Amino acid sequence: MELRGEYRLAASRETVWTRLNDPATLREAIPGCEMLEVTAENRMAVRVGIKLGFWTARFSGEMHLEDIHPPERWSIVGEGQGGIAGFAAGRADIRLADEGDETVLHYRVTAETGGRIAELGGRWVEAAGAKLVERFLKRLAEQVENGSPATAGD
């Protein structure tokens, strides 16, 4: 699966960069994030619960940042095991650009799945992935633009 797009944020590039590199912001912005802990510089342990139809899969794994060029771009790479649900691995390449008083966040997300989650079918997985990216960006925008935490129940 591969998703590309852009999202406009009403904040400076430096503000967006700071929030993207804040573990508390990531914890609140990642849909279904139950735990995110820094384990080393640019490395985090993470546990995410994702609703898949009528059941919820919990993935535990690790994320790390690479290709870091402040305040312009970085990549976040992660993988997790979900027990009977299978596994998920992915990468998000983020590039920030100034445009007037806004910051344009350009993204490219790639992911692969295995096990039961992959059996749901490529179109379903891609649609679910697009929805997760949209929710992440909306929550990030809430925090960046309002300086407030995301809505926990979203």
N, C-alpha and C. Protein backbone atom coordinates (compact mmCIF):
# COMPACT_ATOMS: atom_id res chain seq x y z
N MET A 1 0.84 -1.17 0.00
CA MET A 1 0.00 0.00 0.00
C MET A 1 0.88 1.23 0.00
N GLU A 2 0.49 2.21 -0.79
CA GLU A 2 1.20 3.49 -0.81
C GLU A 2 0.17 4.61 -0.87
N LEU A 3 0.35 5.61 0.00
CA LEU A 3 -0.52 6.79 0.03
C LEU A 3 0.37 8.02 -0.05
N ARG A 4 -0.07 9.00 -0.83
CA ARG A 4 0.64 10.27 -0.96
C ARG A 4 -0.37 11.40 -0.82
N GLY A 5 0.11 12.52 -0.32
CA GLY A 5 -0.78 13.66 -0.24
C GLY A 5 -0.10 14.83 0.45
N GLU A 6 -0.91 15.82 0.74
CA GLU A 6 -0.42 16.98 1.48
C GLU A 6 -1.53 17.47 2.39
N TYR A 7 -1.12 18.17 3.44
CA TYR A 7 -2.07 18.69 4.42
C TYR A 7 -1.57 20.05 4.85
N ARG A 8 -2.47 21.04 4.90
CA ARG A 8 -2.09 22.40 5.27
C ARG A 8 -2.37 22.64 6.75
N LEU A 9 -1.40 23.25 7.40
CA LEU A 9 -1.51 23.56 8.82
C LEU A 9 -1.29 25.04 9.04
N ALA A 10 -2.15 25.66 9.82
CA ALA A 10 -2.07 27.10 10.10
C ALA A 10 -1.08 27.36 11.22
N ALA A 11 0.20 27.11 10.91
CA ALA A 11 1.27 27.31 11.89
C ALA A 11 2.59 27.38 11.13
N SER A 12 3.62 27.88 11.80
CA SER A 12 4.93 27.97 11.17
C SER A 12 5.54 26.57 11.03
N ARG A 13 6.48 26.46 10.12
CA ARG A 13 7.16 25.18 9.91
C ARG A 13 7.87 24.74 11.19
N GLU A 14 8.46 25.68 11.92
CA GLU A 14 9.17 25.33 13.15
C GLU A 14 8.21 24.76 14.20
N THR A 15 7.01 25.34 14.28
CA THR A 15 6.01 24.85 15.23
C THR A 15 5.57 23.43 14.85
N VAL A 16 5.30 23.22 13.58
CA VAL A 16 4.89 21.89 13.11
C VAL A 16 6.01 20.90 13.37
N TRP A 17 7.25 21.27 13.07
CA TRP A 17 8.40 20.39 13.28
C TRP A 17 8.51 20.00 14.76
N THR A 18 8.39 21.00 15.64
CA THR A 18 8.50 20.74 17.08
C THR A 18 7.43 19.74 17.52
N ARG A 19 6.20 19.93 17.06
CA ARG A 19 5.11 19.02 17.44
C ARG A 19 5.32 17.62 16.88
N LEU A 20 5.79 17.51 15.63
CA LEU A 20 6.02 16.20 15.03
C LEU A 20 7.12 15.42 15.76
N ASN A 21 7.99 16.13 16.45
CA ASN A 21 9.09 15.48 17.16
C ASN A 21 8.84 15.38 18.66
N ASP A 22 7.63 15.65 19.09
CA ASP A 22 7.25 15.57 20.50
C ASP A 22 6.51 14.25 20.75
N PRO A 23 7.06 13.37 21.58
CA PRO A 23 6.40 12.08 21.83
C PRO A 23 4.97 12.20 22.34
N ALA A 24 4.69 13.21 23.17
CA ALA A 24 3.32 13.38 23.68
C ALA A 24 2.36 13.73 22.55
N THR A 25 2.81 14.57 21.61
CA THR A 25 1.98 14.91 20.46
C THR A 25 1.73 13.67 19.61
N LEU A 26 2.77 12.90 19.34
CA LEU A 26 2.60 11.68 18.55
C LEU A 26 1.64 10.71 19.24
N ARG A 27 1.79 10.55 20.55
CA ARG A 27 0.92 9.65 21.31
C ARG A 27 -0.55 10.04 21.15
N GLU A 28 -0.82 11.34 21.20
CA GLU A 28 -2.20 11.82 21.07
C GLU A 28 -2.70 11.79 19.63
N ALA A 29 -1.79 11.94 18.67
CA ALA A 29 -2.22 12.05 17.27
C ALA A 29 -2.37 10.69 16.59
N ILE A 30 -1.61 9.69 16.99
CA ILE A 30 -1.70 8.37 16.35
C ILE A 30 -3.01 7.71 16.76
N PRO A 31 -3.88 7.42 15.80
CA PRO A 31 -5.17 6.80 16.14
C PRO A 31 -4.97 5.45 16.85
N GLY A 32 -5.66 5.29 17.96
CA GLY A 32 -5.61 4.03 18.71
C GLY A 32 -4.35 3.83 19.52
N CYS A 33 -3.49 4.86 19.64
CA CYS A 33 -2.24 4.70 20.38
C CYS A 33 -2.54 4.51 21.86
N GLU A 34 -2.13 3.39 22.40
CA GLU A 34 -2.32 3.07 23.81
C GLU A 34 -1.07 3.35 24.62
N MET A 35 0.09 3.30 23.96
CA MET A 35 1.36 3.51 24.65
C MET A 35 2.40 3.94 23.62
N LEU A 36 3.19 4.94 23.98
CA LEU A 36 4.33 5.36 23.18
C LEU A 36 5.39 5.83 24.16
N GLU A 37 6.51 5.13 24.19
CA GLU A 37 7.59 5.47 25.12
C GLU A 37 8.90 5.60 24.36
N VAL A 38 9.64 6.64 24.67
CA VAL A 38 10.97 6.82 24.09
C VAL A 38 11.90 5.79 24.74
N THR A 39 12.59 5.01 23.90
CA THR A 39 13.51 3.98 24.40
C THR A 39 14.97 4.36 24.20
N ALA A 40 15.23 5.22 23.24
CA ALA A 40 16.57 5.72 22.95
C ALA A 40 16.38 6.93 22.05
N GLU A 41 17.48 7.61 21.72
CA GLU A 41 17.35 8.77 20.85
C GLU A 41 16.72 8.34 19.52
N ASN A 42 15.62 8.99 19.15
CA ASN A 42 14.88 8.75 17.91
C ASN A 42 14.27 7.35 17.81
N ARG A 43 14.08 6.66 18.95
CA ARG A 43 13.47 5.33 18.96
C ARG A 43 12.36 5.31 20.00
N MET A 44 11.25 4.64 19.64
CA MET A 44 10.10 4.57 20.53
C MET A 44 9.47 3.17 20.48
N ALA A 45 9.02 2.71 21.64
CA ALA A 45 8.19 1.52 21.70
C ALA A 45 6.75 2.01 21.62
N VAL A 46 5.91 1.23 20.94
CA VAL A 46 4.53 1.68 20.71
C VAL A 46 3.57 0.49 20.77
N ARG A 47 2.36 0.77 21.25
CA ARG A 47 1.27 -0.21 21.22
C ARG A 47 0.03 0.53 20.71
N VAL A 48 -0.59 -0.03 19.68
CA VAL A 48 -1.73 0.61 19.03
C VAL A 48 -2.86 -0.41 18.91
N GLY A 49 -4.07 0.02 19.24
CA GLY A 49 -5.26 -0.80 19.04
C GLY A 49 -6.06 -0.23 17.88
N ILE A 50 -6.27 -1.05 16.86
CA ILE A 50 -6.97 -0.60 15.66
C ILE A 50 -8.22 -1.44 15.46
N LYS A 51 -9.35 -0.76 15.30
CA LYS A 51 -10.61 -1.45 15.06
C LYS A 51 -10.66 -1.90 13.61
N LEU A 52 -10.84 -3.20 13.43
CA LEU A 52 -10.90 -3.80 12.10
C LEU A 52 -12.24 -4.51 11.96
N GLY A 53 -13.21 -3.76 11.44
CA GLY A 53 -14.54 -4.35 11.33
C GLY A 53 -15.13 -4.55 12.71
N PHE A 54 -15.37 -5.80 13.06
CA PHE A 54 -16.01 -6.12 14.33
C PHE A 54 -15.02 -6.48 15.44
N TRP A 55 -13.73 -6.47 15.17
CA TRP A 55 -12.75 -6.78 16.21
C TRP A 55 -11.64 -5.73 16.22
N THR A 56 -10.94 -5.68 17.35
CA THR A 56 -9.84 -4.75 17.51
C THR A 56 -8.53 -5.53 17.56
N ALA A 57 -7.58 -5.14 16.75
CA ALA A 57 -6.26 -5.76 16.75
C ALA A 57 -5.31 -4.84 17.51
N ARG A 58 -4.48 -5.43 18.34
CA ARG A 58 -3.48 -4.66 19.08
C ARG A 58 -2.10 -5.02 18.55
N PHE A 59 -1.40 -4.01 18.09
CA PHE A 59 -0.06 -4.19 17.55
C PHE A 59 0.95 -3.58 18.51
N SER A 60 1.98 -4.34 18.84
CA SER A 60 3.07 -3.83 19.68
C SER A 60 4.33 -3.89 18.85
N GLY A 61 5.11 -2.82 18.92
CA GLY A 61 6.32 -2.80 18.12
C GLY A 61 7.19 -1.62 18.42
N GLU A 62 7.95 -1.23 17.43
CA GLU A 62 8.93 -0.16 17.59
C GLU A 62 8.86 0.78 16.40
N MET A 63 9.12 2.06 16.66
CA MET A 63 9.24 3.08 15.61
C MET A 63 10.57 3.79 15.80
N HIS A 64 11.13 4.24 14.70
CA HIS A 64 12.33 5.07 14.80
C HIS A 64 12.32 6.12 13.70
N LEU A 65 13.01 7.22 13.98
CA LEU A 65 13.13 8.34 13.04
C LEU A 65 14.45 8.21 12.30
N GLU A 66 14.42 8.55 11.02
CA GLU A 66 15.65 8.55 10.23
C GLU A 66 15.56 9.63 9.18
N ASP A 67 16.67 9.86 8.48
CA ASP A 67 16.74 10.89 7.43
C ASP A 67 16.24 12.23 7.98
N ILE A 68 16.76 12.60 9.15
CA ILE A 68 16.29 13.79 9.87
C ILE A 68 17.04 15.03 9.39
N HIS A 69 16.27 16.00 8.87
CA HIS A 69 16.82 17.28 8.39
C HIS A 69 15.93 18.40 8.91
N PRO A 70 16.18 18.87 10.17
CA PRO A 70 15.32 19.90 10.78
C PRO A 70 15.40 21.22 10.04
N PRO A 71 14.36 21.98 9.97
CA PRO A 71 12.95 21.64 10.20
C PRO A 71 12.24 21.32 8.88
N GLU A 72 12.91 20.55 8.02
CA GLU A 72 12.38 20.32 6.68
C GLU A 72 11.78 18.93 6.48
N ARG A 73 12.48 17.88 6.90
CA ARG A 73 11.95 16.54 6.61
C ARG A 73 12.52 15.49 7.56
N TRP A 74 11.75 14.41 7.69
CA TRP A 74 12.19 13.20 8.37
C TRP A 74 11.32 12.04 7.94
N SER A 75 11.78 10.86 8.29
CA SER A 75 11.01 9.65 8.02
C SER A 75 10.81 8.93 9.34
N ILE A 76 9.64 8.33 9.49
CA ILE A 76 9.36 7.51 10.65
C ILE A 76 9.08 6.10 10.13
N VAL A 77 9.77 5.13 10.69
CA VAL A 77 9.69 3.74 10.24
C VAL A 77 9.26 2.90 11.42
N GLY A 78 8.33 1.98 11.19
CA GLY A 78 7.87 1.15 12.29
C GLY A 78 7.39 -0.21 11.85
N GLU A 79 7.33 -1.09 12.82
CA GLU A 79 6.77 -2.42 12.58
C GLU A 79 6.19 -2.93 13.89
N GLY A 80 5.18 -3.77 13.75
CA GLY A 80 4.54 -4.30 14.94
C GLY A 80 3.91 -5.64 14.69
N GLN A 81 3.80 -6.40 15.75
CA GLN A 81 3.16 -7.71 15.72
C GLN A 81 1.79 -7.58 16.37
N GLY A 82 0.81 -8.22 15.75
CA GLY A 82 -0.56 -8.15 16.25
C GLY A 82 -1.14 -9.49 16.62
N GLY A 83 -0.28 -10.43 17.02
CA GLY A 83 -0.78 -11.76 17.39
C GLY A 83 -1.50 -12.41 16.22
N ILE A 84 -2.71 -12.86 16.46
CA ILE A 84 -3.49 -13.55 15.44
C ILE A 84 -3.80 -12.65 14.24
N ALA A 85 -3.81 -11.33 14.45
CA ALA A 85 -4.09 -10.39 13.35
C ALA A 85 -2.95 -10.37 12.34
N GLY A 86 -1.73 -10.72 12.76
CA GLY A 86 -0.59 -10.72 11.86
C GLY A 86 0.40 -9.62 12.20
N PHE A 87 0.99 -9.04 11.17
CA PHE A 87 1.97 -7.99 11.41
C PHE A 87 1.70 -6.82 10.47
N ALA A 88 2.25 -5.68 10.84
CA ALA A 88 2.19 -4.49 9.99
C ALA A 88 3.55 -3.80 10.06
N ALA A 89 4.00 -3.30 8.93
CA ALA A 89 5.25 -2.56 8.86
C ALA A 89 5.02 -1.39 7.92
N GLY A 90 5.63 -0.26 8.25
CA GLY A 90 5.42 0.89 7.38
C GLY A 90 6.44 1.97 7.55
N ARG A 91 6.32 2.93 6.69
CA ARG A 91 7.22 4.07 6.66
C ARG A 91 6.41 5.29 6.24
N ALA A 92 6.68 6.43 6.88
CA ALA A 92 6.08 7.69 6.50
C ALA A 92 7.21 8.69 6.26
N ASP A 93 7.28 9.21 5.06
CA ASP A 93 8.25 10.24 4.72
C ASP A 93 7.50 11.57 4.74
N ILE A 94 7.98 12.49 5.58
CA ILE A 94 7.32 13.78 5.79
C ILE A 94 8.25 14.89 5.33
N ARG A 95 7.70 15.83 4.56
CA ARG A 95 8.45 17.01 4.14
C ARG A 95 7.57 18.23 4.43
N LEU A 96 8.15 19.23 5.06
CA LEU A 96 7.43 20.46 5.41
C LEU A 96 7.89 21.60 4.52
N ALA A 97 6.93 22.41 4.07
CA ALA A 97 7.25 23.56 3.22
C ALA A 97 6.44 24.77 3.69
N ASP A 98 7.08 25.92 3.70
CA ASP A 98 6.39 27.18 4.03
C ASP A 98 5.55 27.61 2.85
N GLU A 99 4.34 28.08 3.15
CA GLU A 99 3.51 28.69 2.12
C GLU A 99 2.69 29.78 2.79
N GLY A 100 3.20 31.01 2.70
CA GLY A 100 2.56 32.12 3.40
C GLY A 100 2.65 31.90 4.90
N ASP A 101 1.50 32.03 5.58
CA ASP A 101 1.44 31.81 7.02
C ASP A 101 1.20 30.36 7.39
N GLU A 102 1.14 29.50 6.39
CA GLU A 102 0.84 28.09 6.62
C GLU A 102 2.07 27.23 6.37
N THR A 103 1.98 26.00 6.84
CA THR A 103 2.97 24.98 6.53
C THR A 103 2.25 23.88 5.77
N VAL A 104 2.83 23.47 4.67
CA VAL A 104 2.28 22.36 3.91
C VAL A 104 3.09 21.12 4.27
N LEU A 105 2.39 20.13 4.78
CA LEU A 105 3.00 18.85 5.15
C LEU A 105 2.76 17.89 3.98
N HIS A 106 3.82 17.52 3.30
CA HIS A 106 3.75 16.55 2.21
C HIS A 106 4.09 15.19 2.81
N TYR A 107 3.32 14.17 2.46
CA TYR A 107 3.59 12.85 3.02
C TYR A 107 3.52 11.77 1.95
N ARG A 108 4.28 10.74 2.22
CA ARG A 108 4.26 9.49 1.45
C ARG A 108 4.31 8.38 2.48
N VAL A 109 3.27 7.57 2.51
CA VAL A 109 3.17 6.47 3.47
C VAL A 109 3.17 5.16 2.70
N THR A 110 4.03 4.25 3.10
CA THR A 110 4.03 2.90 2.53
C THR A 110 3.85 1.92 3.68
N ALA A 111 3.12 0.85 3.42
CA ALA A 111 2.89 -0.15 4.46
C ALA A 111 2.69 -1.51 3.83
N GLU A 112 3.02 -2.52 4.61
CA GLU A 112 2.73 -3.88 4.21
C GLU A 112 2.20 -4.62 5.43
N THR A 113 1.36 -5.58 5.16
CA THR A 113 0.75 -6.36 6.22
C THR A 113 0.88 -7.84 5.90
N GLY A 114 0.77 -8.65 6.93
CA GLY A 114 0.79 -10.09 6.75
C GLY A 114 -0.14 -10.73 7.77
N GLY A 115 -0.53 -11.95 7.51
CA GLY A 115 -1.42 -12.65 8.43
C GLY A 115 -2.87 -12.31 8.13
N ARG A 116 -3.71 -12.42 9.14
CA ARG A 116 -5.15 -12.21 8.95
C ARG A 116 -5.50 -10.83 8.40
N ILE A 117 -4.77 -9.81 8.85
CA ILE A 117 -5.09 -8.46 8.36
C ILE A 117 -4.89 -8.38 6.85
N ALA A 118 -3.90 -9.07 6.32
CA ALA A 118 -3.66 -9.06 4.88
C ALA A 118 -4.75 -9.81 4.13
N GLU A 119 -5.38 -10.77 4.78
CA GLU A 119 -6.45 -11.54 4.16
C GLU A 119 -7.69 -10.71 3.90
N LEU A 120 -7.80 -9.55 4.55
CA LEU A 120 -8.96 -8.69 4.34
C LEU A 120 -8.98 -8.10 2.94
N GLY A 121 -7.84 -8.08 2.29
CA GLY A 121 -7.79 -7.58 0.91
C GLY A 121 -7.12 -6.23 0.81
N GLY A 122 -6.42 -6.04 -0.30
CA GLY A 122 -5.65 -4.83 -0.52
C GLY A 122 -6.47 -3.56 -0.52
N ARG A 123 -7.64 -3.58 -1.16
CA ARG A 123 -8.46 -2.36 -1.20
C ARG A 123 -8.95 -1.98 0.18
N TRP A 124 -9.35 -2.96 0.97
CA TRP A 124 -9.84 -2.68 2.31
C TRP A 124 -8.70 -2.13 3.17
N VAL A 125 -7.52 -2.75 3.08
CA VAL A 125 -6.37 -2.30 3.88
C VAL A 125 -5.98 -0.87 3.46
N GLU A 126 -6.01 -0.59 2.15
CA GLU A 126 -5.66 0.75 1.69
C GLU A 126 -6.68 1.78 2.16
N ALA A 127 -7.96 1.45 2.12
CA ALA A 127 -9.00 2.37 2.59
C ALA A 127 -8.85 2.63 4.09
N ALA A 128 -8.58 1.57 4.85
CA ALA A 128 -8.37 1.72 6.30
C ALA A 128 -7.13 2.56 6.57
N GLY A 129 -6.06 2.33 5.80
CA GLY A 129 -4.84 3.11 5.96
C GLY A 129 -5.06 4.58 5.67
N ALA A 130 -5.82 4.88 4.62
CA ALA A 130 -6.11 6.27 4.27
C ALA A 130 -6.90 6.95 5.38
N LYS A 131 -7.83 6.22 5.98
CA LYS A 131 -8.62 6.77 7.08
C LYS A 131 -7.74 7.05 8.30
N LEU A 132 -6.79 6.16 8.59
CA LEU A 132 -5.88 6.36 9.72
C LEU A 132 -4.98 7.58 9.48
N VAL A 133 -4.48 7.75 8.26
CA VAL A 133 -3.64 8.90 7.94
C VAL A 133 -4.45 10.18 8.11
N GLU A 134 -5.68 10.19 7.61
CA GLU A 134 -6.55 11.36 7.73
C GLU A 134 -6.80 11.71 9.20
N ARG A 135 -7.07 10.70 10.02
CA ARG A 135 -7.31 10.96 11.45
C ARG A 135 -6.05 11.48 12.14
N PHE A 136 -4.88 10.92 11.79
CA PHE A 136 -3.63 11.40 12.36
C PHE A 136 -3.43 12.87 12.03
N LEU A 137 -3.60 13.24 10.77
CA LEU A 137 -3.38 14.63 10.34
C LEU A 137 -4.36 15.58 11.01
N LYS A 138 -5.60 15.15 11.14
CA LYS A 138 -6.61 15.99 11.81
C LYS A 138 -6.22 16.23 13.27
N ARG A 139 -5.80 15.18 13.96
CA ARG A 139 -5.40 15.31 15.36
C ARG A 139 -4.14 16.15 15.51
N LEU A 140 -3.19 15.97 14.60
CA LEU A 140 -1.98 16.77 14.61
C LEU A 140 -2.33 18.25 14.42
N ALA A 141 -3.21 18.54 13.48
CA ALA A 141 -3.63 19.92 13.22
C ALA A 141 -4.27 20.53 14.45
N GLU A 142 -5.09 19.76 15.16
CA GLU A 142 -5.72 20.26 16.40
C GLU A 142 -4.66 20.70 17.40
N GLN A 143 -3.64 19.89 17.55
CA GLN A 143 -2.59 20.21 18.52
C GLN A 143 -1.71 21.36 18.06
N VAL A 144 -1.35 21.36 16.79
CA VAL A 144 -0.47 22.40 16.26
C VAL A 144 -1.17 23.76 16.25
N GLU A 145 -2.39 23.78 15.77
CA GLU A 145 -3.09 25.05 15.58
C GLU A 145 -3.70 25.59 16.87
N ASN A 146 -4.14 24.71 17.76
CA ASN A 146 -4.80 25.16 18.99
C ASN A 146 -3.92 25.01 20.22
N GLY A 147 -2.82 24.28 20.08
CA GLY A 147 -1.97 24.02 21.23
C GLY A 147 -2.66 23.14 22.25
N SER A 148 -3.66 22.38 21.80
CA SER A 148 -4.42 21.56 22.73
C SER A 148 -4.29 20.09 22.36
N PRO A 149 -4.51 19.22 23.32
CA PRO A 149 -4.45 17.79 23.01
C PRO A 149 -5.60 17.38 22.10
N ALA A 150 -5.39 16.30 21.38
CA ALA A 150 -6.42 15.78 20.48
C ALA A 150 -7.56 15.21 21.30
N THR A 151 -8.69 15.03 20.63
CA THR A 151 -9.85 14.42 21.27
C THR A 151 -9.59 12.93 21.44
N ALA A 152 -9.58 12.45 22.66
CA ALA A 152 -9.24 11.06 22.94
C ALA A 152 -10.20 10.08 22.28
N GLY A 153 -11.45 10.42 22.16
CA GLY A 153 -12.43 9.48 21.63
C GLY A 153 -12.54 9.43 20.13
N ASP A 154 -11.76 10.22 19.41
CA ASP A 154 -11.86 10.27 17.94
C ASP A 154 -11.38 8.98 17.32
